[in-house]
C-alpha cells in the first residue's frame, strides 16, 4: 500500500475496510469504512490518528509508512484526537514499536490512554491553544471540541499547510473509490458520499449536534485549506462544502428538516400493514417525496438517516403483549436517544384487546418537539372508514410538510 501525499510533508496512510463486522458493534457498513491516519514530517515525525487491528488495517498502515519512507521506530509523537478504539486500537502495539514516541491527547484523552491501554508514561496533555513545533516549518495548534462525539475529542491544525485534522467531525461511512480527495471525486460518486455521510451523522453524531455547531463556531476564524477527518474523504478542493453539510445536518434537530416524509411500519399479521396503502395514497395526493421502511426487516442504521433528514414521520405499528411491537419500540427509543426532534408526525396501528402501542408511542415521543396529528388506531382490521381517515390525515401531514422551506443546499464540489 502506498501513502498518499496531501501537502508538503503530510501523508495519508489509512486503510479502507471491507467487513461483515458492525461499526461500533451496532451499525452495518455494507459499503465499508475508511480508517484515516496521517503522517506529518518536520525535523520530527508525528502520526495523527491510528487504526484498530481490523481487517488488516494495522499491516496496511505500517506498509504505507514505509513508502514515504518513515521507519516506525522514528516516530516522535502519536497524536490521538479521539480515543474511540476504531482510531486507537493499535495504540498499544505502536507504543511497543515506537517506544520513544510521546503520546499527545487532551487531559480526558490521557485518562482513556491509561484506561484502554494501561499506558501512563510519556503521555502529554494539551488544551486549546497549545502548540507543538516539529521543525522545518511544521507547527501544530490544538483545539478541544468536547462531545464531537466523545468528551475528550480535539482537533489538530497544521499551520503552514492550513490542514485541519478533524477527528470524527466531517466524517462519513464508505471506502474511498479511487481517490481519497473531494476534488478527484466523480459526479456519479457524490450521491454515494452524501448517503454515507448522512447515515454516519445520524448514527454517530446526531445526539451531539449542539456540540457540532459550537465546535464549528469555535474554529470559524481559522483559515482552512484542507480538512482531513478520521473517516471519509479528505477535503482539499472545497473544504467549505463539508462544513456546510455538517451545519445542515446539525440543524436538522434544531428545527424542521427537509420537506420529505419517512414512513416506518411493522405488522404482525397484516392488519397494521393493511393501512399502509391508504397512508401512501394520501401522501401521493400531495406529491411529497417519501421513503418507506419496514421493521424489523430494515436495519435501523438506514432508517435513522432518512428519519433524520425528513420533516415528516409516519409510524405504523401493532400492539404486542400490551405494548408496542418490540422492533418499533427499539427504533423509537433510538430516535429519542439521537434527539431526532421537530417532526410532523402521524401514528397508526392495529390492536386486539388493548392499544398499548399508542401508550408507548406517547411516552417515547414526549419532549421530542413533535407536532403530532390525531392517531389512527383500530381494533383488528381497518374498516373502509378508518382507511379513509388514514388517507386524509396522511394528506394533511403531507400538506404541512410541503409548507416547510427546503434547507439551503450545499454548493457542489
Protein backbone atom coordinates (compact mmCIF):
# COMPACT_ATOMS: atom_id res chain seq x y z
CA UNK A 1 0.00 0.00 0.00
CA UNK A 2 1.32 3.44 -0.95
CA UNK A 3 0.99 6.53 1.19
CA UNK A 4 -0.87 9.43 -0.47
CA UNK A 5 0.66 12.90 -0.30
CA UNK A 6 -1.82 15.53 0.91
CA UNK A 7 0.51 18.53 1.19
CA UNK A 8 4.19 19.20 1.72
CA UNK A 9 5.30 16.80 4.48
CA UNK A 10 1.77 15.44 5.09
CA UNK A 11 0.67 11.94 4.03
CA UNK A 12 -2.43 9.77 4.32
CA UNK A 13 -1.57 6.23 5.50
CA UNK A 14 -5.06 4.93 6.23
CA UNK A 15 -6.91 1.75 5.31
CA UNK A 16 -10.17 1.02 3.50
CA UNK A 17 -12.03 -1.65 5.44
CA UNK A 18 -14.47 -4.15 3.96
CA UNK A 19 -16.01 -6.31 6.66
CA UNK A 20 -19.13 -8.08 7.87
CA UNK A 21 -18.48 -6.60 11.32
CA UNK A 22 -20.79 -3.91 12.65
CA UNK A 23 -19.44 -0.41 13.25
CA UNK A 24 -19.50 0.29 17.00
CA UNK A 25 -20.96 -3.21 17.29
CA UNK A 26 -24.34 -1.84 16.07
CA UNK A 27 -24.29 -0.27 12.61
CA UNK A 28 -23.87 -2.26 9.37
CA UNK A 29 -21.30 -0.93 6.90
CA UNK A 30 -22.01 -2.85 3.67
CA UNK A 31 -20.04 -0.25 1.71
CA UNK A 32 -17.12 -0.41 4.13
CA UNK A 33 -15.41 2.38 6.02
CA UNK A 34 -12.13 4.26 5.67
CA UNK A 35 -9.87 4.48 8.72
CA UNK A 36 -7.81 7.60 8.01
CA UNK A 37 -4.40 8.01 9.61
CA UNK A 38 -1.80 10.67 8.80
CA UNK A 39 1.95 11.24 8.97
CA UNK A 40 3.35 14.77 9.32
CA UNK A 41 7.09 15.21 8.79
CA UNK A 42 9.22 18.10 10.01
CA UNK A 43 12.52 17.60 11.76
CA UNK A 44 10.39 15.36 13.94
CA UNK A 45 7.68 12.93 12.85
CA UNK A 46 4.11 12.78 14.10
CA UNK A 47 1.35 10.28 13.39
CA UNK A 48 -2.18 11.63 13.80
CA UNK A 49 -4.97 9.12 14.43
CA UNK A 50 -4.36 5.39 14.23
CA UNK A 51 -6.43 2.39 13.23
CA UNK A 52 -7.72 -0.66 15.03
CA UNK A 53 -6.37 -4.08 14.23
CA UNK A 54 -9.29 -4.74 11.90
CA UNK A 55 -9.26 -6.50 8.53
CA UNK A 56 -5.50 -5.97 8.21
CA UNK A 57 -5.64 -2.20 8.80
CA UNK A 58 -2.56 -2.17 11.06
CA UNK A 59 -0.49 -4.01 8.43
CA UNK A 60 -1.64 -1.57 5.73
CA UNK A 61 -0.71 1.39 7.94
CA UNK A 62 2.82 0.07 8.55
CA UNK A 63 3.39 -0.76 4.88
CA UNK A 64 2.13 2.68 3.79
CA UNK A 65 4.52 4.29 6.23
CA UNK A 66 7.46 2.54 4.57
CA UNK A 67 6.55 4.10 1.20
CA UNK A 68 7.09 7.68 2.46
CA UNK A 69 9.62 6.46 3.79
CA UNK A 70 9.17 6.57 7.56
CA UNK A 71 10.54 3.94 9.94
CA UNK A 72 8.01 3.30 12.69
CA UNK A 73 10.68 3.44 15.40
CA UNK A 74 11.49 7.01 14.36
CA UNK A 75 8.03 8.38 15.19
CA UNK A 76 8.34 11.14 17.79
CA UNK A 77 4.67 11.87 18.51
CA UNK A 78 1.45 9.84 18.50
CA UNK A 79 -1.39 12.35 18.42
CA UNK A 80 -4.73 10.92 19.47
CA UNK A 81 -7.50 13.40 18.69
CA UNK A 82 -10.18 10.95 19.79
CA UNK A 83 -9.78 7.80 21.87
CA UNK A 84 -12.56 5.66 20.42
CA UNK A 85 -10.94 2.29 19.65
CA UNK A 86 -11.59 2.40 15.89
CA UNK A 87 -8.87 5.10 15.89
CA UNK A 88 -6.71 3.88 18.76
CA UNK A 89 -6.92 0.08 18.83
CA UNK A 90 -3.35 -0.12 17.50
CA UNK A 91 -2.00 2.20 20.23
CA UNK A 92 -0.60 -0.49 22.49
CA UNK A 93 1.31 -2.21 19.68
CA UNK A 94 2.52 1.05 18.10
CA UNK A 95 3.76 2.12 21.52
CA UNK A 96 5.87 -1.03 21.57
CA UNK A 97 7.17 -0.41 18.03
CA UNK A 98 7.93 3.26 18.72
CA UNK A 99 8.85 3.22 22.43
CA UNK A 100 10.28 6.74 22.43
CA UNK A 101 7.20 8.37 20.91
CA UNK A 102 5.27 10.76 23.12
CA UNK A 103 1.51 10.27 23.14
CA UNK A 104 -0.45 13.53 22.95
CA UNK A 105 -4.10 13.88 23.93
CA UNK A 106 -6.41 16.09 25.96
CA UNK A 107 -6.49 15.51 29.73
CA UNK A 108 -9.63 13.39 29.37
CA UNK A 109 -7.95 11.58 26.47
CA UNK A 110 -4.93 10.77 28.62
CA UNK A 111 -7.27 9.12 31.13
CA UNK A 112 -8.52 6.84 28.36
CA UNK A 113 -4.99 6.07 27.15
CA UNK A 114 -4.48 4.66 30.63
CA UNK A 115 -7.94 3.09 30.85
CA UNK A 116 -7.85 1.34 27.47
CA UNK A 117 -4.13 0.59 27.09
CA UNK A 118 -2.58 0.96 30.58
CA UNK A 119 -0.06 3.47 29.24
CA UNK A 120 0.88 6.13 31.80
CA UNK A 121 4.41 7.14 30.89
CA UNK A 122 5.42 9.53 28.12
CA UNK A 123 1.89 10.88 27.77
CA UNK A 124 1.49 14.65 27.34
CA UNK A 125 -1.77 16.52 27.70
CA UNK A 126 -2.71 19.57 25.65
CA UNK A 127 -5.54 22.07 25.72
CA UNK A 128 -7.00 24.63 23.33
CA UNK A 129 -4.34 27.00 22.04
CA UNK A 130 -1.35 24.79 22.87
CA UNK A 131 1.19 24.30 20.07
CA UNK A 132 3.83 21.78 19.05
CA UNK A 133 6.74 22.63 16.73
CA UNK A 134 8.01 19.75 14.55
CA UNK A 135 10.65 21.86 12.81
CA UNK A 136 11.02 22.66 9.09
CA UNK A 137 8.05 24.99 9.34
CA UNK A 138 5.62 22.36 10.60
CA UNK A 139 3.75 23.51 13.71
CA UNK A 140 0.57 22.16 15.28
CA UNK A 141 -2.08 24.03 17.19
CA UNK A 142 -4.60 22.03 19.24
CA UNK A 143 -8.24 22.86 19.96
CA UNK A 144 -10.65 20.90 22.14
CA UNK A 145 -14.06 20.12 20.65
CA UNK A 146 -15.71 18.19 23.50
CA UNK A 147 -18.63 15.89 22.72
CA UNK A 148 -17.96 15.69 18.99
CA UNK A 149 -18.66 12.99 19.76
CA UNK A 150 -16.76 11.91 22.91
CA UNK A 151 -15.84 14.31 25.74
CA UNK A 152 -12.08 14.02 25.15
CA UNK A 153 -12.12 14.96 21.45
CA UNK A 154 -9.81 17.60 19.98
CA UNK A 155 -8.64 18.70 16.54
CA UNK A 156 -5.06 19.27 15.38
CA UNK A 157 -4.29 22.14 13.00
CA UNK A 158 -1.05 22.33 10.99
CA UNK A 159 -0.31 26.00 10.49
CA UNK A 160 1.93 26.07 7.40
CA UNK A 161 -0.37 23.99 5.18
CA UNK A 162 -3.57 25.11 6.94
CA UNK A 163 -4.63 21.48 7.35
CA UNK A 164 -7.25 20.60 9.97
CA UNK A 165 -7.12 17.04 11.27
CA UNK A 166 -10.72 16.98 12.44
CA UNK A 167 -11.16 13.57 14.08
CA UNK A 168 -14.74 12.24 13.66
CA UNK A 169 -16.06 15.68 12.71
CA UNK A 170 -16.78 15.88 8.97
CA UNK A 171 -16.50 12.10 8.65
CA UNK A 172 -18.53 9.54 6.71
CA UNK A 173 -19.01 5.83 6.27
CA UNK A 174 -17.82 4.31 3.00
CA UNK A 175 -14.49 3.37 1.47
CA UNK A 176 -12.60 5.55 -0.98
CA UNK A 177 -13.48 4.81 -4.58
CA UNK A 178 -10.30 5.51 -6.50
CA UNK A 179 -9.17 8.63 -4.64
CA UNK A 180 -9.18 9.96 -1.10
CA UNK A 181 -9.88 13.58 -2.20
CA UNK A 182 -13.09 15.54 -2.74
CA UNK A 183 -11.69 17.31 -5.81
CA UNK A 184 -11.00 13.98 -7.52
CA UNK A 185 -14.47 12.57 -6.81
CA UNK A 186 -16.52 11.97 -10.00
CA UNK A 187 -20.06 13.34 -10.07
CA UNK A 188 -21.58 9.87 -10.07
CA UNK A 189 -19.81 9.09 -6.76
CA UNK A 190 -21.20 12.14 -4.95
CA UNK A 191 -24.61 10.62 -4.09
CA UNK A 192 -22.72 7.69 -2.54
CA UNK A 193 -20.79 10.03 -0.26
CA UNK A 194 -23.87 12.11 0.62
CA UNK A 195 -25.78 8.96 1.62
CA UNK A 196 -22.89 7.53 3.64
CA UNK A 197 -22.16 10.85 5.33
CA UNK A 198 -25.78 11.44 6.33
CA UNK A 199 -26.14 7.90 7.69
CA UNK A 200 -22.85 8.24 9.60
CA UNK A 201 -24.04 11.54 11.09
CA UNK A 202 -27.46 10.16 12.03
CA UNK A 203 -25.96 7.02 13.59
CA UNK A 204 -22.93 8.51 15.34
CA UNK A 205 -23.14 12.28 15.72
CA UNK A 206 -26.80 13.38 15.73
CA UNK A 207 -27.13 13.36 19.52
CA UNK A 208 -24.25 15.84 19.72
CA UNK A 209 -25.45 18.38 17.14
CA UNK A 210 -25.32 21.29 19.57
CA UNK A 211 -21.66 20.47 20.24
CA UNK A 212 -21.01 20.23 16.49
CA UNK A 213 -22.32 23.75 15.95
CA UNK A 214 -20.28 25.05 18.90
CA UNK A 215 -17.13 23.43 17.51
CA UNK A 216 -17.66 24.90 14.03
CA UNK A 217 -18.21 28.32 15.57
CA UNK A 218 -15.06 27.98 17.70
CA UNK A 219 -12.97 27.18 14.61
CA UNK A 220 -14.54 29.76 12.29
CA UNK A 221 -11.60 32.20 12.42
CA UNK A 222 -9.01 29.59 11.41
CA UNK A 223 -8.10 29.60 7.72
CA UNK A 224 -8.53 26.03 6.49
CA UNK A 225 -7.30 24.75 3.13
CA UNK A 226 -7.71 21.04 3.83
CA UNK A 227 -9.94 19.06 6.20
CA UNK A 228 -8.58 15.61 7.00
CA UNK A 229 -11.13 13.64 9.06
CA UNK A 230 -10.72 10.21 10.59
CA UNK A 231 -13.28 8.67 8.19
CA UNK A 232 -14.37 9.53 4.64
CA UNK A 233 -12.97 11.95 2.09
CA UNK A 234 -10.08 14.34 2.60
CA UNK A 235 -11.47 17.77 1.63
CA UNK A 236 -8.74 19.77 -0.09
CA UNK A 237 -10.70 21.19 -3.05
CA UNK A 238 -13.66 22.81 -1.31
CA UNK A 239 -13.45 22.16 2.43
CA UNK A 240 -16.27 24.64 2.94
CA UNK A 241 -18.66 22.13 1.32
CA UNK A 242 -18.31 19.54 4.08
CA UNK A 243 -18.59 22.25 6.74
CA UNK A 244 -21.89 23.37 5.21
CA UNK A 245 -23.10 19.76 5.10
CA UNK A 246 -22.41 19.33 8.80
CA UNK A 247 -24.10 22.64 9.62
CA UNK A 248 -27.14 21.48 7.64
CA UNK A 249 -27.18 18.12 9.41
CA UNK A 250 -26.69 19.68 12.86
CA UNK A 251 -29.67 21.95 12.30
CA UNK A 252 -31.96 19.02 11.49
CA UNK A 253 -32.61 18.54 15.20
CA UNK A 254 -32.74 22.26 15.94
CA UNK A 255 -35.68 22.88 13.58
CA UNK A 256 -37.80 21.08 10.97
CA UNK A 257 -35.68 19.30 8.38
CA UNK A 258 -36.33 18.72 4.66
CA UNK A 259 -39.89 18.72 3.18
CA UNK A 260 -39.99 14.94 2.86
CA UNK A 261 -41.77 12.12 4.70
CA UNK A 262 -40.32 8.92 6.10
CA UNK A 263 -42.82 6.11 6.70
CA UNK A 264 -41.75 3.34 9.08
CA UNK A 265 -44.13 0.46 9.64
CA UNK A 266 -44.27 -3.02 11.12
CA UNK A 267 -47.04 -5.60 11.08
CA UNK A 268 -47.53 -8.98 12.73
CA UNK A 269 -50.48 -10.46 10.81
CA UNK A 270 -51.15 -7.87 8.12
CA UNK A 271 -53.72 -5.72 9.94
CA UNK A 272 -51.48 -2.71 10.50
CA UNK A 273 -49.98 -3.32 7.06
CA UNK A 274 -53.45 -3.07 5.53
CA UNK A 275 -53.46 0.65 6.34
CA UNK A 276 -50.20 1.33 4.51
CA UNK A 277 -51.71 1.72 1.03
CA UNK A 278 -54.14 4.35 2.29
CA UNK A 279 -51.33 6.23 4.04
CA UNK A 280 -49.20 6.24 0.88
CA UNK A 281 -52.18 7.27 -1.25
CA UNK A 282 -52.69 10.30 0.97
CA UNK A 283 -49.02 11.31 0.68
CA UNK A 284 -49.03 10.79 -3.09
CA UNK A 285 -52.02 13.11 -3.48
CA UNK A 286 -49.77 15.96 -2.29
CA UNK A 287 -46.70 14.95 -4.33
CA UNK A 288 -44.30 14.89 -1.39
CA UNK A 289 -41.10 12.76 -1.52
CA UNK A 290 -41.39 9.67 0.66
CA UNK A 291 -39.12 6.89 1.91
CA UNK A 292 -40.63 3.66 3.24
CA UNK A 293 -39.09 1.21 5.70
CA UNK A 294 -40.38 -1.87 7.45
CA UNK A 295 -39.21 -3.11 10.85
CA UNK A 296 -37.62 -5.43 11.70
CA UNK A 297 -36.83 -6.16 8.02
CA UNK A 298 -34.83 -2.95 7.51
CA UNK A 299 -31.91 -2.19 9.78
CA UNK A 300 -32.33 0.91 12.00
CA UNK A 301 -29.00 2.28 10.76
CA UNK A 302 -30.51 3.04 7.35
CA UNK A 303 -33.86 4.15 8.76
CA UNK A 304 -32.20 6.73 11.03
CA UNK A 305 -30.66 8.60 8.11
CA UNK A 306 -33.97 9.19 6.32
CA UNK A 307 -35.92 9.86 9.51
CA UNK A 308 -33.31 12.43 10.48
CA UNK A 309 -33.49 14.43 7.25
CA UNK A 310 -37.30 14.24 6.88
CA UNK A 311 -39.61 16.82 8.39
CA UNK A 312 -42.48 14.32 8.20
CA UNK A 313 -42.59 10.99 10.05
CA UNK A 314 -45.33 8.37 9.95
CA UNK A 315 -45.16 5.43 12.34
CA UNK A 316 -47.34 2.34 11.84
CA UNK A 317 -47.11 -0.39 14.46
CA UNK A 318 -49.30 -3.00 16.15
CA UNK A 319 -49.68 -3.67 19.84
CA UNK A 320 -47.72 -6.68 21.08
CA UNK A 321 -48.42 -8.13 24.54
CA UNK A 322 -50.00 -4.86 25.77
CA UNK A 323 -47.04 -2.82 24.50
CA UNK A 324 -45.61 -1.54 21.22
CA UNK A 325 -44.28 -4.07 18.69
CA UNK A 326 -40.71 -4.56 20.08
CA UNK A 327 -38.74 -3.75 16.88
CA UNK A 328 -40.60 -0.46 16.56
CA UNK A 329 -40.14 0.34 20.22
CA UNK A 330 -36.40 -0.15 19.79
CA UNK A 331 -36.39 2.21 16.80
CA UNK A 332 -38.37 4.91 18.63
CA UNK A 333 -36.01 4.62 21.58
CA UNK A 334 -33.13 5.28 19.15
CA UNK A 335 -34.93 8.32 17.72
CA UNK A 336 -35.30 9.70 21.22
CA UNK A 337 -31.69 8.91 22.13
CA UNK A 338 -30.44 10.56 18.93
CA UNK A 339 -32.69 13.60 19.58
CA UNK A 340 -34.49 13.48 16.27
CA UNK A 341 -36.77 16.34 17.13
CA UNK A 342 -39.06 18.72 15.24
CA UNK A 343 -41.16 16.38 13.10
CA UNK A 344 -44.69 16.47 11.72
CA UNK A 345 -45.89 13.05 12.89
CA UNK A 346 -48.77 10.63 12.31
CA UNK A 347 -49.24 7.40 14.26
CA UNK A 348 -51.37 4.44 13.16
CA UNK A 349 -51.75 0.83 14.22
CA UNK A 350 -53.89 -2.19 14.98
CA UNK A 351 -54.60 -3.71 18.37
CA UNK A 352 -56.54 -6.65 19.76
CA UNK A 353 -57.64 -6.40 23.38
CA UNK A 354 -55.93 -3.10 24.19
CA UNK A 355 -53.96 -0.39 22.43
CA UNK A 356 -50.71 -0.41 24.38
CA UNK A 357 -48.65 0.61 21.35
CA UNK A 358 -50.08 4.12 21.43
CA UNK A 359 -49.29 4.44 25.15
CA UNK A 360 -45.64 3.61 24.44
CA UNK A 361 -45.64 6.00 21.48
CA UNK A 362 -46.96 8.82 23.66
CA UNK A 363 -44.25 8.20 26.25
CA UNK A 364 -41.40 7.89 23.74
CA UNK A 365 -42.46 11.00 21.81
CA UNK A 366 -42.65 13.11 24.95
CA UNK A 367 -40.29 16.12 24.84
CA UNK A 368 -39.37 15.41 21.21
CA UNK A 369 -40.99 18.64 19.97
CA UNK A 370 -43.08 16.60 17.53
CA UNK A 371 -46.26 18.10 16.06
CA UNK A 372 -48.50 15.01 16.24
CA UNK A 373 -51.73 14.63 14.31
CA UNK A 374 -54.72 12.67 15.59
CA UNK A 375 -53.70 8.99 15.82
CA UNK A 376 -55.38 6.34 13.68
CA UNK A 377 -55.78 3.24 15.88
CA UNK A 378 -58.19 0.42 15.27
CA UNK A 379 -59.18 -2.98 16.62
CA UNK A 380 -58.22 -5.75 14.23
CA UNK A 381 -58.55 -4.95 10.51
CA UNK A 382 -59.12 -1.31 9.43
CA UNK A 383 -62.59 -0.63 8.09
CA UNK A 384 -63.06 1.38 4.92
CA UNK A 385 -63.96 4.39 7.06
CA UNK A 386 -60.76 4.01 9.09
CA UNK A 387 -58.72 3.64 5.91
CA UNK A 388 -60.22 6.83 4.53
CA UNK A 389 -59.37 8.63 7.78
CA UNK A 390 -55.76 7.42 7.47
CA UNK A 391 -55.58 8.63 3.87
CA UNK A 392 -56.96 12.05 4.77
CA UNK A 393 -54.62 12.51 7.73
CA UNK A 394 -51.60 11.44 5.68
CA UNK A 395 -52.58 14.00 3.04
CA UNK A 396 -52.92 16.65 5.75
CA UNK A 397 -49.47 15.81 7.10
CA UNK A 398 -48.04 16.00 3.57
CA UNK A 399 -49.60 19.44 3.09
CA UNK A 400 -47.97 20.64 6.32
CA UNK A 401 -44.63 19.20 5.27
CA UNK A 402 -44.82 20.95 1.88
CA UNK A 403 -45.00 24.29 3.67
CA UNK A 404 -41.61 23.74 5.30
CA UNK A 405 -38.90 25.57 3.31
CA UNK A 406 -36.15 23.44 1.80
CA UNK A 407 -32.91 23.75 3.70
CA UNK A 408 -30.12 25.62 1.94
CA UNK A 409 -28.30 23.11 -0.23
CA UNK A 410 -24.54 22.76 -0.25
CA UNK A 411 -22.58 24.09 -3.16
CA UNK A 412 -21.19 21.42 -5.45
CA UNK A 413 -17.71 20.01 -5.08
